[in-house]
Amino acid sequence: MKTIKVSVVTPDGPVYESDVEMVSTKAKSGELGILPGHIPLVAPLEIGAVRLKLAGGKQEQIAVSGGFLEVRPEQVTVLAQAAEKASDIDIERAQRAKERAEQRLQQAQQEHVDFKRAESALRRAVNRINVAGNR
């Protein structure tokens, strides 16, 4: 089967680069599935997983904290503020981040806590836990 080159890049540098058969992810406009030869596209991404179908039926996932997806017929580039391969995620650290975010959300009603920021932190932590669970 044909493949498409995928690069996941953050401000700290490249996180992932390989040839894959298919890329699936969630953009702000909905779920996207990208195969080799896809028409050019630029889309903002939600906090979520970039799912990669490799040759031989293997799959990998990368947790991204939003960003942008650029698609060209032979290449997909994900520009994310933060991204981690499932194998690199520290589940205990992600669980602690989730607990801190949940505490902030509970305090939001009593104090002047930035609700949107706490909610975003919770979504990022849950995403990392979910991706790490699918190793």
C-alpha atoms as a PDB file:
ATOM      1  CA  MET A   1       0.000   0.000   0.000  1.00  0.00           C
ATOM      2  CA  LYS A   2       1.129   3.580  -0.645  1.00  0.00           C
ATOM      3  CA  THR A   3       2.460   5.639   2.239  1.00  0.00           C
ATOM      4  CA  ILE A   4       2.552   9.284   3.214  1.00  0.00           C
ATOM      5  CA  LYS A   5       5.310  10.999   5.191  1.00  0.00           C
ATOM      6  CA  VAL A   6       4.227  12.349   8.596  1.00  0.00           C
ATOM      7  CA  SER A   7       6.104  14.896  10.706  1.00  0.00           C
ATOM      8  CA  VAL A   8       4.965  16.050  14.148  1.00  0.00           C
ATOM      9  CA  VAL A   9       6.824  19.171  15.231  1.00  0.00           C
ATOM     10  CA  THR A  10       6.725  21.331  18.383  1.00  0.00           C
ATOM     11  CA  PRO A  11       8.617  24.518  19.289  1.00  0.00           C
ATOM     12  CA  ASP A  12      11.099  22.213  21.069  1.00  0.00           C
ATOM     13  CA  GLY A  13      11.778  20.267  17.888  1.00  0.00           C
ATOM     14  CA  PRO A  14      10.576  17.198  16.016  1.00  0.00           C
ATOM     15  CA  VAL A  15       8.600  14.573  17.945  1.00  0.00           C
ATOM     16  CA  TYR A  16       7.822  12.041  15.224  1.00  0.00           C
ATOM     17  CA  GLU A  17       8.747  11.400  11.608  1.00  0.00           C
ATOM     18  CA  SER A  18       7.889   8.335   9.559  1.00  0.00           C
ATOM     19  CA  ASP A  19       6.011   7.008   6.553  1.00  0.00           C
ATOM     20  CA  VAL A  20       2.498   5.781   7.354  1.00  0.00           C
ATOM     21  CA  GLU A  21      -0.486   4.397   5.456  1.00  0.00           C
ATOM     22  CA  MET A  22      -3.091   6.662   7.102  1.00  0.00           C
ATOM     23  CA  VAL A  23      -3.388   9.570   9.537  1.00  0.00           C
ATOM     24  CA  SER A  24      -6.517  10.154  11.621  1.00  0.00           C
ATOM     25  CA  THR A  25      -7.071  13.101  13.931  1.00  0.00           C
ATOM     26  CA  LYS A  26      -9.699  15.511  15.191  1.00  0.00           C
ATOM     27  CA  ALA A  27      -9.747  18.992  13.723  1.00  0.00           C
ATOM     28  CA  LYS A  28     -11.960  21.810  14.992  1.00  0.00           C
ATOM     29  CA  SER A  29     -14.284  21.053  12.060  1.00  0.00           C
ATOM     30  CA  GLY A  30     -14.496  17.315  12.823  1.00  0.00           C
ATOM     31  CA  GLU A  31     -12.678  14.008  12.393  1.00  0.00           C
ATOM     32  CA  LEU A  32     -10.158  13.778   9.533  1.00  0.00           C
ATOM     33  CA  GLY A  33      -8.742  10.716   7.801  1.00  0.00           C
ATOM     34  CA  ILE A  34      -5.807  11.351   5.493  1.00  0.00           C
ATOM     35  CA  LEU A  35      -4.456   8.910   2.926  1.00  0.00           C
ATOM     36  CA  PRO A  36      -1.591   9.333   0.430  1.00  0.00           C
ATOM     37  CA  GLY A  37      -2.577  11.700  -2.376  1.00  0.00           C
ATOM     38  CA  HIS A  38      -4.986  13.716  -0.193  1.00  0.00           C
ATOM     39  CA  ILE A  39      -5.803  17.199  -1.465  1.00  0.00           C
ATOM     40  CA  PRO A  40      -3.924  20.076   0.192  1.00  0.00           C
ATOM     41  CA  LEU A  41      -5.491  21.188   3.457  1.00  0.00           C
ATOM     42  CA  VAL A  42      -4.714  23.285   6.517  1.00  0.00           C
ATOM     43  CA  ALA A  43      -6.839  22.754   9.623  1.00  0.00           C
ATOM     44  CA  PRO A  44      -6.668  23.790  13.285  1.00  0.00           C
ATOM     45  CA  LEU A  45      -6.530  20.775  15.601  1.00  0.00           C
ATOM     46  CA  GLU A  46      -8.370  19.998  18.817  1.00  0.00           C
ATOM     47  CA  ILE A  47      -6.621  18.607  21.865  1.00  0.00           C
ATOM     48  CA  GLY A  48      -6.557  14.930  20.997  1.00  0.00           C
ATOM     49  CA  ALA A  49      -4.708  12.016  19.498  1.00  0.00           C
ATOM     50  CA  VAL A  50      -3.071  11.784  16.110  1.00  0.00           C
ATOM     51  CA  ARG A  51      -3.569   8.141  15.133  1.00  0.00           C
ATOM     52  CA  LEU A  52      -1.114   6.673  12.656  1.00  0.00           C
ATOM     53  CA  LYS A  53      -1.700   3.423  10.750  1.00  0.00           C
ATOM     54  CA  LEU A  54       1.645   1.859   9.913  1.00  0.00           C
ATOM     55  CA  ALA A  55       2.512  -0.836   7.402  1.00  0.00           C
ATOM     56  CA  GLY A  56       1.526  -4.302   8.593  1.00  0.00           C
ATOM     57  CA  GLY A  57      -1.520  -3.051  10.487  1.00  0.00           C
ATOM     58  CA  LYS A  58       0.417  -1.616  13.454  1.00  0.00           C
ATOM     59  CA  GLN A  59      -0.831   1.633  14.950  1.00  0.00           C
ATOM     60  CA  GLU A  60       0.787   4.453  16.904  1.00  0.00           C
ATOM     61  CA  GLN A  61      -0.718   7.421  18.695  1.00  0.00           C
ATOM     62  CA  ILE A  62       0.634  10.837  19.520  1.00  0.00           C
ATOM     63  CA  ALA A  63      -1.045  13.126  22.059  1.00  0.00           C
ATOM     64  CA  VAL A  64      -1.211  16.704  20.779  1.00  0.00           C
ATOM     65  CA  SER A  65      -2.329  19.838  22.584  1.00  0.00           C
ATOM     66  CA  GLY A  66      -4.004  21.479  19.640  1.00  0.00           C
ATOM     67  CA  GLY A  67      -2.077  23.141  16.856  1.00  0.00           C
ATOM     68  CA  PHE A  68      -2.367  22.920  13.088  1.00  0.00           C
ATOM     69  CA  LEU A  69      -2.385  20.172  10.497  1.00  0.00           C
ATOM     70  CA  GLU A  70      -0.960  20.820   7.041  1.00  0.00           C
ATOM     71  CA  VAL A  71      -1.666  18.233   4.360  1.00  0.00           C
ATOM     72  CA  ARG A  72       0.066  17.980   1.011  1.00  0.00           C
ATOM     73  CA  PRO A  73      -0.301  15.008  -1.373  1.00  0.00           C
ATOM     74  CA  GLU A  74       2.942  13.368  -0.174  1.00  0.00           C
ATOM     75  CA  GLN A  75       3.314  14.809   3.351  1.00  0.00           C
ATOM     76  CA  VAL A  76       1.366  15.584   6.522  1.00  0.00           C
ATOM     77  CA  THR A  77       2.847  18.043   9.016  1.00  0.00           C
ATOM     78  CA  VAL A  78       1.420  18.544  12.494  1.00  0.00           C
ATOM     79  CA  LEU A  79       2.528  21.772  14.162  1.00  0.00           C
ATOM     80  CA  ALA A  80       1.630  21.461  17.837  1.00  0.00           C
ATOM     81  CA  GLN A  81       2.414  23.484  20.947  1.00  0.00           C
ATOM     82  CA  ALA A  82       3.062  20.166  22.724  1.00  0.00           C
ATOM     83  CA  ALA A  83       3.104  16.564  21.507  1.00  0.00           C
ATOM     84  CA  GLU A  84       4.129  13.232  23.018  1.00  0.00           C
ATOM     85  CA  LYS A  85       4.341   9.741  21.609  1.00  0.00           C
ATOM     86  CA  ALA A  86       2.327   7.229  23.635  1.00  0.00           C
ATOM     87  CA  SER A  87       5.530   5.448  24.665  1.00  0.00           C
ATOM     88  CA  ASP A  88       6.982   8.705  26.084  1.00  0.00           C
ATOM     89  CA  ILE A  89       4.023   9.673  28.274  1.00  0.00           C
ATOM     90  CA  ASP A  90       4.559   9.451  32.027  1.00  0.00           C
ATOM     91  CA  ILE A  91       1.132   8.193  33.135  1.00  0.00           C
ATOM     92  CA  GLU A  92       1.665   9.095  36.806  1.00  0.00           C
ATOM     93  CA  ARG A  93       2.595  12.664  35.885  1.00  0.00           C
ATOM     94  CA  ALA A  94      -0.442  12.939  33.603  1.00  0.00           C
ATOM     95  CA  GLN A  95      -2.668  11.584  36.383  1.00  0.00           C
ATOM     96  CA  ARG A  96      -1.307  14.207  38.834  1.00  0.00           C
ATOM     97  CA  ALA A  97      -1.952  16.951  36.239  1.00  0.00           C
ATOM     98  CA  LYS A  98      -5.515  15.673  35.837  1.00  0.00           C
ATOM     99  CA  GLU A  99      -6.078  15.771  39.606  1.00  0.00           C
ATOM    100  CA  ARG A 100      -4.681  19.330  39.860  1.00  0.00           C
ATOM    101  CA  ALA A 101      -6.936  20.495  37.024  1.00  0.00           C
ATOM    102  CA  GLU A 102      -9.988  18.881  38.633  1.00  0.00           C
ATOM    103  CA  GLN A 103      -9.186  20.639  41.924  1.00  0.00           C
ATOM    104  CA  ARG A 104      -8.879  23.990  40.132  1.00  0.00           C
ATOM    105  CA  LEU A 105     -12.239  23.444  38.445  1.00  0.00           C
ATOM    106  CA  GLN A 106     -13.870  22.731  41.816  1.00  0.00           C
ATOM    107  CA  GLN A 107     -12.327  25.917  43.232  1.00  0.00           C
ATOM    108  CA  ALA A 108     -13.454  27.964  40.238  1.00  0.00           C
ATOM    109  CA  GLN A 109     -16.868  28.527  41.748  1.00  0.00           C
ATOM    110  CA  GLN A 110     -15.452  29.861  45.040  1.00  0.00           C
ATOM    111  CA  GLU A 111     -12.365  31.733  43.855  1.00  0.00           C
ATOM    112  CA  HIS A 112     -11.125  33.672  40.872  1.00  0.00           C
ATOM    113  CA  VAL A 113      -9.705  30.677  39.019  1.00  0.00           C
ATOM    114  CA  ASP A 114      -9.399  30.868  35.245  1.00  0.00           C
ATOM    115  CA  PHE A 115     -12.049  28.279  34.335  1.00  0.00           C
ATOM    116  CA  LYS A 116     -11.078  27.957  30.650  1.00  0.00           C
ATOM    117  CA  ARG A 117      -7.418  27.436  31.500  1.00  0.00           C
ATOM    118  CA  ALA A 118      -8.230  24.767  34.103  1.00  0.00           C
ATOM    119  CA  GLU A 119     -10.629  23.055  31.710  1.00  0.00           C
ATOM    120  CA  SER A 120      -7.982  23.029  28.971  1.00  0.00           C
ATOM    121  CA  ALA A 121      -5.415  21.572  31.388  1.00  0.00           C
ATOM    122  CA  LEU A 122      -7.884  18.824  32.294  1.00  0.00           C
ATOM    123  CA  ARG A 123      -8.533  17.997  28.616  1.00  0.00           C
ATOM    124  CA  ARG A 124      -4.772  17.805  27.924  1.00  0.00           C
ATOM    125  CA  ALA A 125      -4.190  15.510  30.907  1.00  0.00           C
ATOM    126  CA  VAL A 126      -7.093  13.210  30.005  1.00  0.00           C
ATOM    127  CA  ASN A 127      -5.861  13.067  26.395  1.00  0.00           C
ATOM    128  CA  ARG A 128      -2.356  12.054  27.516  1.00  0.00           C
ATOM    129  CA  ILE A 129      -3.778   9.359  29.805  1.00  0.00           C
ATOM    130  CA  ASN A 130      -5.976   7.990  27.017  1.00  0.00           C
ATOM    131  CA  VAL A 131      -3.140   7.926  24.480  1.00  0.00           C
ATOM    132  CA  ALA A 132      -0.761   6.288  26.961  1.00  0.00           C
ATOM    133  CA  GLY A 133      -3.405   3.658  27.707  1.00  0.00           C
ATOM    134  CA  ASN A 134      -3.449   2.638  24.031  1.00  0.00           C
ATOM    135  CA  ARG A 135       0.255   1.793  23.808  1.00  0.00           C
END
